């Protein structure tokens, strides 16, 4: 299964080199999400992160999503099993993980069916 990973910071060597949020969102995040067939979120620790906004945007675009997080992290209410709240939401799953190897194993074993 070919996988393309998007991370805006990959091209930004320092935090100061990031674009203003309005420019970066339009040029990077929104475009990447519109081109995506699936959305995978990995939250390794409790962060104040725009990743939650990206997850919400993926839901709005109808992109099947999987969220991995550590057991001590509580995802925002509407992201937890979001598909159960409205038939308008796409498939959405939430999993706790311990080592990152759990995620790698899931992807290797399930491939794209992880998102079904």
N, C-alpha and C. Protein backbone atom coordinates (compact mmCIF):
# COMPACT_ATOMS: atom_id res chain seq x y z
N UNK A 1 0.85 -1.17 0.00
CA UNK A 1 0.00 0.00 0.00
C UNK A 1 0.89 1.24 0.00
N UNK A 2 0.91 2.03 -1.06
CA UNK A 2 1.71 3.25 -1.05
C UNK A 2 1.07 4.27 -0.11
N UNK A 3 1.89 4.89 0.70
CA UNK A 3 1.42 5.86 1.67
C UNK A 3 2.16 7.17 1.46
N UNK A 4 1.39 8.24 1.42
CA UNK A 4 1.98 9.56 1.33
C UNK A 4 1.65 10.28 2.63
N UNK A 5 2.66 10.71 3.33
CA UNK A 5 2.46 11.38 4.61
C UNK A 5 2.64 12.88 4.41
N UNK A 6 1.72 13.63 4.98
CA UNK A 6 1.80 15.08 4.90
C UNK A 6 2.12 15.64 6.28
N UNK A 7 3.08 16.50 6.34
CA UNK A 7 3.40 17.27 7.56
C UNK A 7 3.97 18.60 7.10
N UNK A 8 3.25 19.68 7.36
CA UNK A 8 3.66 21.00 6.87
C UNK A 8 5.04 21.38 7.38
N UNK A 9 5.39 20.96 8.58
CA UNK A 9 6.67 21.31 9.17
C UNK A 9 7.86 20.65 8.51
N UNK A 10 7.61 19.69 7.65
CA UNK A 10 8.69 18.99 6.97
C UNK A 10 9.56 19.95 6.15
N UNK A 11 8.92 20.97 5.61
CA UNK A 11 9.65 21.95 4.79
C UNK A 11 10.04 23.20 5.58
N UNK A 12 9.78 23.20 6.87
CA UNK A 12 10.04 24.38 7.71
C UNK A 12 11.05 23.99 8.79
N UNK A 13 12.30 24.44 8.67
CA UNK A 13 13.34 24.02 9.60
C UNK A 13 13.17 24.55 11.03
N UNK A 14 12.49 25.69 11.19
CA UNK A 14 12.28 26.26 12.53
C UNK A 14 10.83 26.71 12.65
N UNK A 15 10.39 26.89 13.88
CA UNK A 15 9.03 27.37 14.12
C UNK A 15 8.84 28.76 13.50
N UNK A 16 9.88 29.58 13.53
CA UNK A 16 9.81 30.93 12.97
C UNK A 16 9.63 30.91 11.44
N UNK A 17 9.98 29.81 10.79
CA UNK A 17 9.86 29.75 9.34
C UNK A 17 8.46 29.33 8.86
N UNK A 18 7.57 28.99 9.81
CA UNK A 18 6.20 28.64 9.43
C UNK A 18 5.48 29.89 8.92
N UNK A 19 4.59 29.69 7.96
CA UNK A 19 3.80 30.78 7.43
C UNK A 19 2.71 31.18 8.41
N UNK A 20 2.12 32.35 8.17
CA UNK A 20 0.97 32.75 8.98
C UNK A 20 -0.10 31.67 8.83
N UNK A 21 -0.90 31.44 9.88
CA UNK A 21 -1.91 30.37 9.81
C UNK A 21 -2.85 30.47 8.61
N UNK A 22 -3.28 31.67 8.24
CA UNK A 22 -4.21 31.78 7.11
C UNK A 22 -3.55 31.36 5.80
N UNK A 23 -2.30 31.72 5.61
CA UNK A 23 -1.57 31.36 4.39
C UNK A 23 -1.25 29.87 4.39
N UNK A 24 -0.70 29.38 5.50
CA UNK A 24 -0.33 27.97 5.59
C UNK A 24 -1.52 27.04 5.45
N UNK A 25 -2.64 27.43 6.05
CA UNK A 25 -3.83 26.59 5.97
C UNK A 25 -4.32 26.50 4.53
N UNK A 26 -4.39 27.63 3.87
CA UNK A 26 -4.88 27.64 2.49
C UNK A 26 -3.92 26.91 1.56
N UNK A 27 -2.63 27.20 1.67
CA UNK A 27 -1.65 26.67 0.74
C UNK A 27 -1.29 25.21 1.04
N UNK A 28 -1.22 24.85 2.31
CA UNK A 28 -0.70 23.54 2.67
C UNK A 28 -1.79 22.58 3.15
N UNK A 29 -2.30 22.81 4.34
CA UNK A 29 -3.19 21.85 4.99
C UNK A 29 -4.47 21.58 4.20
N UNK A 30 -5.18 22.62 3.82
CA UNK A 30 -6.45 22.42 3.13
C UNK A 30 -6.24 21.70 1.80
N UNK A 31 -5.22 22.09 1.07
CA UNK A 31 -4.95 21.44 -0.22
C UNK A 31 -4.59 19.97 -0.02
N UNK A 32 -3.76 19.68 0.97
CA UNK A 32 -3.37 18.29 1.23
C UNK A 32 -4.58 17.46 1.63
N UNK A 33 -5.45 18.01 2.46
CA UNK A 33 -6.63 17.26 2.88
C UNK A 33 -7.59 17.02 1.71
N UNK A 34 -7.79 18.00 0.86
CA UNK A 34 -8.68 17.81 -0.29
C UNK A 34 -8.19 16.72 -1.22
N UNK A 35 -6.89 16.48 -1.24
CA UNK A 35 -6.31 15.44 -2.10
C UNK A 35 -6.22 14.08 -1.41
N UNK A 36 -6.63 14.01 -0.15
CA UNK A 36 -6.47 12.79 0.65
C UNK A 36 -7.67 11.87 0.56
N UNK A 37 -7.38 10.57 0.53
CA UNK A 37 -8.45 9.56 0.57
C UNK A 37 -8.73 9.12 2.00
N UNK A 38 -7.74 9.30 2.90
CA UNK A 38 -7.85 8.87 4.29
C UNK A 38 -7.10 9.84 5.18
N UNK A 39 -7.50 9.88 6.46
CA UNK A 39 -6.84 10.75 7.43
C UNK A 39 -6.44 9.93 8.65
N UNK A 40 -5.18 10.00 9.02
CA UNK A 40 -4.66 9.30 10.19
C UNK A 40 -4.05 10.34 11.12
N UNK A 41 -4.51 10.34 12.35
CA UNK A 41 -4.00 11.25 13.37
C UNK A 41 -3.31 10.43 14.45
N UNK A 42 -2.09 10.81 14.80
CA UNK A 42 -1.37 10.17 15.90
C UNK A 42 -1.03 11.26 16.91
N UNK A 43 -1.58 11.12 18.13
CA UNK A 43 -1.31 12.09 19.20
C UNK A 43 -0.45 11.39 20.26
N UNK A 44 0.87 11.62 20.21
CA UNK A 44 1.77 10.95 21.14
C UNK A 44 1.74 11.53 22.55
N UNK A 45 1.26 12.78 22.67
CA UNK A 45 1.13 13.39 23.99
C UNK A 45 0.05 14.45 23.92
N UNK A 46 -0.36 14.94 25.08
CA UNK A 46 -1.42 15.94 25.14
C UNK A 46 -0.88 17.26 24.61
N UNK A 47 -1.40 17.69 23.48
CA UNK A 47 -0.92 18.89 22.81
C UNK A 47 -2.07 19.83 22.48
N UNK A 48 -1.80 21.11 22.52
CA UNK A 48 -2.69 22.07 21.90
C UNK A 48 -2.22 22.12 20.46
N UNK A 49 -3.04 21.58 19.56
CA UNK A 49 -2.55 21.34 18.21
C UNK A 49 -3.61 21.64 17.16
N UNK A 50 -3.18 22.20 16.05
CA UNK A 50 -4.09 22.41 14.92
C UNK A 50 -4.46 21.08 14.27
N UNK A 51 -3.83 20.00 14.70
CA UNK A 51 -4.19 18.68 14.17
C UNK A 51 -5.66 18.37 14.41
N UNK A 52 -6.22 18.88 15.49
CA UNK A 52 -7.64 18.66 15.76
C UNK A 52 -8.51 19.40 14.74
N UNK A 53 -8.06 20.57 14.32
CA UNK A 53 -8.79 21.31 13.29
C UNK A 53 -8.71 20.54 11.97
N UNK A 54 -7.53 20.02 11.67
CA UNK A 54 -7.36 19.22 10.45
C UNK A 54 -8.25 17.98 10.49
N UNK A 55 -8.36 17.35 11.66
CA UNK A 55 -9.23 16.18 11.80
C UNK A 55 -10.68 16.56 11.55
N UNK A 56 -11.11 17.70 12.06
CA UNK A 56 -12.47 18.17 11.83
C UNK A 56 -12.72 18.49 10.36
N UNK A 57 -11.73 19.06 9.72
CA UNK A 57 -11.85 19.38 8.29
C UNK A 57 -11.94 18.09 7.47
N UNK A 58 -11.17 17.09 7.85
CA UNK A 58 -11.24 15.80 7.17
C UNK A 58 -12.65 15.21 7.30
N UNK A 59 -13.25 15.34 8.48
CA UNK A 59 -14.63 14.87 8.67
C UNK A 59 -15.58 15.63 7.76
N UNK A 60 -15.41 16.95 7.71
CA UNK A 60 -16.28 17.78 6.87
C UNK A 60 -16.15 17.41 5.39
N UNK A 61 -14.97 16.99 4.99
CA UNK A 61 -14.74 16.58 3.60
C UNK A 61 -15.20 15.14 3.33
N UNK A 62 -15.63 14.45 4.39
CA UNK A 62 -16.09 13.07 4.22
C UNK A 62 -14.97 12.05 4.12
N UNK A 63 -13.81 12.37 4.66
CA UNK A 63 -12.64 11.49 4.58
C UNK A 63 -12.65 10.50 5.75
N UNK A 64 -12.65 9.20 5.48
CA UNK A 64 -12.57 8.23 6.57
C UNK A 64 -11.32 8.49 7.41
N UNK A 65 -11.48 8.41 8.73
CA UNK A 65 -10.41 8.81 9.63
C UNK A 65 -10.16 7.80 10.73
N UNK A 66 -8.90 7.71 11.15
CA UNK A 66 -8.49 6.89 12.29
C UNK A 66 -7.62 7.76 13.17
N UNK A 67 -7.91 7.74 14.46
CA UNK A 67 -7.14 8.51 15.44
C UNK A 67 -6.48 7.57 16.43
N UNK A 68 -5.18 7.70 16.58
CA UNK A 68 -4.42 6.96 17.59
C UNK A 68 -3.96 7.94 18.65
N UNK A 69 -4.09 7.53 19.91
CA UNK A 69 -3.63 8.39 20.99
C UNK A 69 -3.21 7.55 22.19
N UNK A 70 -2.39 8.13 23.01
CA UNK A 70 -1.98 7.48 24.25
C UNK A 70 -3.18 7.42 25.20
N UNK A 71 -3.16 6.50 26.15
CA UNK A 71 -4.31 6.28 27.02
C UNK A 71 -4.64 7.47 27.91
N UNK A 72 -3.67 8.31 28.20
CA UNK A 72 -3.93 9.47 29.07
C UNK A 72 -4.39 10.70 28.29
N UNK A 73 -4.59 10.57 26.99
CA UNK A 73 -5.05 11.69 26.16
C UNK A 73 -6.53 11.49 25.87
N UNK A 74 -7.27 12.56 26.04
CA UNK A 74 -8.70 12.52 25.76
C UNK A 74 -8.96 13.41 24.54
N UNK A 75 -9.40 12.78 23.48
CA UNK A 75 -9.70 13.53 22.26
C UNK A 75 -10.92 14.41 22.49
N UNK A 76 -11.03 15.50 21.73
CA UNK A 76 -12.25 16.32 21.82
C UNK A 76 -13.49 15.45 21.58
N UNK A 77 -14.55 15.78 22.27
CA UNK A 77 -15.78 15.00 22.26
C UNK A 77 -16.24 14.61 20.86
N UNK A 78 -16.29 15.56 19.94
CA UNK A 78 -16.83 15.29 18.61
C UNK A 78 -15.92 14.41 17.75
N UNK A 79 -14.66 14.25 18.13
CA UNK A 79 -13.78 13.36 17.37
C UNK A 79 -13.88 11.92 17.82
N UNK A 80 -14.30 11.71 19.06
CA UNK A 80 -14.39 10.34 19.56
C UNK A 80 -15.53 9.61 18.88
N UNK A 81 -15.17 8.66 18.02
CA UNK A 81 -16.17 7.87 17.29
C UNK A 81 -17.19 8.79 16.62
N UNK A 82 -16.70 9.81 15.94
CA UNK A 82 -17.55 10.86 15.37
C UNK A 82 -18.68 10.32 14.50
N UNK A 83 -18.46 9.24 13.80
CA UNK A 83 -19.49 8.72 12.89
C UNK A 83 -20.76 8.31 13.62
N UNK A 84 -20.67 8.02 14.91
CA UNK A 84 -21.86 7.61 15.64
C UNK A 84 -22.80 8.80 15.92
N UNK A 85 -22.30 10.01 15.78
CA UNK A 85 -23.11 11.18 16.11
C UNK A 85 -23.98 11.65 14.96
N UNK A 86 -23.58 11.34 13.75
CA UNK A 86 -24.35 11.83 12.61
C UNK A 86 -24.08 10.96 11.39
N UNK A 87 -25.12 10.67 10.64
CA UNK A 87 -24.90 9.91 9.40
C UNK A 87 -24.14 10.73 8.36
N UNK A 88 -23.99 12.03 8.59
CA UNK A 88 -23.25 12.89 7.67
C UNK A 88 -21.75 12.73 7.82
N UNK A 89 -21.29 12.17 8.94
CA UNK A 89 -19.86 11.98 9.16
C UNK A 89 -19.38 10.70 8.50
N UNK A 90 -18.16 10.68 8.01
CA UNK A 90 -17.61 9.45 7.43
C UNK A 90 -17.20 8.47 8.52
N UNK A 91 -16.73 7.31 8.08
CA UNK A 91 -16.21 6.33 9.04
C UNK A 91 -15.09 6.99 9.84
N UNK A 92 -15.11 6.72 11.14
CA UNK A 92 -14.14 7.35 12.03
C UNK A 92 -13.90 6.40 13.20
N UNK A 93 -12.62 6.10 13.46
CA UNK A 93 -12.28 5.17 14.53
C UNK A 93 -11.24 5.80 15.45
N UNK A 94 -11.25 5.35 16.69
CA UNK A 94 -10.32 5.85 17.69
C UNK A 94 -9.67 4.65 18.38
N UNK A 95 -8.34 4.70 18.50
CA UNK A 95 -7.61 3.62 19.16
C UNK A 95 -6.57 4.19 20.10
N UNK A 96 -6.40 3.51 21.23
CA UNK A 96 -5.28 3.83 22.12
C UNK A 96 -4.09 3.00 21.66
N UNK A 97 -2.92 3.53 21.84
CA UNK A 97 -1.71 2.77 21.52
C UNK A 97 -0.68 3.03 22.61
N UNK A 98 0.24 2.11 22.77
CA UNK A 98 1.35 2.29 23.70
C UNK A 98 2.62 2.58 22.90
N UNK A 99 3.29 1.55 22.39
CA UNK A 99 4.44 1.87 21.54
C UNK A 99 3.97 2.17 20.13
N UNK A 100 4.73 2.95 19.41
CA UNK A 100 4.40 3.28 18.02
C UNK A 100 4.30 2.02 17.17
N UNK A 101 4.96 0.96 17.60
CA UNK A 101 4.90 -0.32 16.88
C UNK A 101 3.47 -0.84 16.75
N UNK A 102 2.60 -0.48 17.72
CA UNK A 102 1.19 -0.89 17.63
C UNK A 102 0.55 -0.33 16.36
N UNK A 103 0.84 0.91 16.06
CA UNK A 103 0.27 1.56 14.88
C UNK A 103 0.85 0.94 13.61
N UNK A 104 2.14 0.76 13.59
CA UNK A 104 2.81 0.16 12.43
C UNK A 104 2.23 -1.22 12.15
N UNK A 105 2.06 -2.01 13.18
CA UNK A 105 1.50 -3.36 13.02
C UNK A 105 0.08 -3.29 12.46
N UNK A 106 -0.75 -2.39 13.00
CA UNK A 106 -2.13 -2.25 12.51
C UNK A 106 -2.15 -1.92 11.02
N UNK A 107 -1.29 -1.00 10.62
CA UNK A 107 -1.26 -0.58 9.21
C UNK A 107 -0.75 -1.72 8.33
N UNK A 108 0.30 -2.40 8.78
CA UNK A 108 0.84 -3.51 7.99
C UNK A 108 -0.18 -4.64 7.85
N UNK A 109 -0.91 -4.94 8.93
CA UNK A 109 -1.87 -6.04 8.90
C UNK A 109 -3.17 -5.68 8.18
N UNK A 110 -3.61 -4.45 8.33
CA UNK A 110 -4.93 -4.06 7.82
C UNK A 110 -4.89 -3.29 6.52
N UNK A 111 -3.80 -2.60 6.25
CA UNK A 111 -3.75 -1.74 5.07
C UNK A 111 -4.88 -0.74 5.10
N UNK A 112 -5.47 -0.48 3.95
CA UNK A 112 -6.53 0.53 3.89
C UNK A 112 -7.81 0.08 4.57
N UNK A 113 -7.97 -1.23 4.82
CA UNK A 113 -9.19 -1.69 5.51
C UNK A 113 -9.24 -1.19 6.95
N UNK A 114 -8.14 -0.68 7.46
CA UNK A 114 -8.13 -0.04 8.79
C UNK A 114 -9.18 1.07 8.83
N UNK A 115 -9.45 1.68 7.70
CA UNK A 115 -10.36 2.83 7.64
C UNK A 115 -11.81 2.44 7.33
N UNK A 116 -12.06 1.13 7.11
CA UNK A 116 -13.43 0.68 6.80
C UNK A 116 -14.29 0.59 8.04
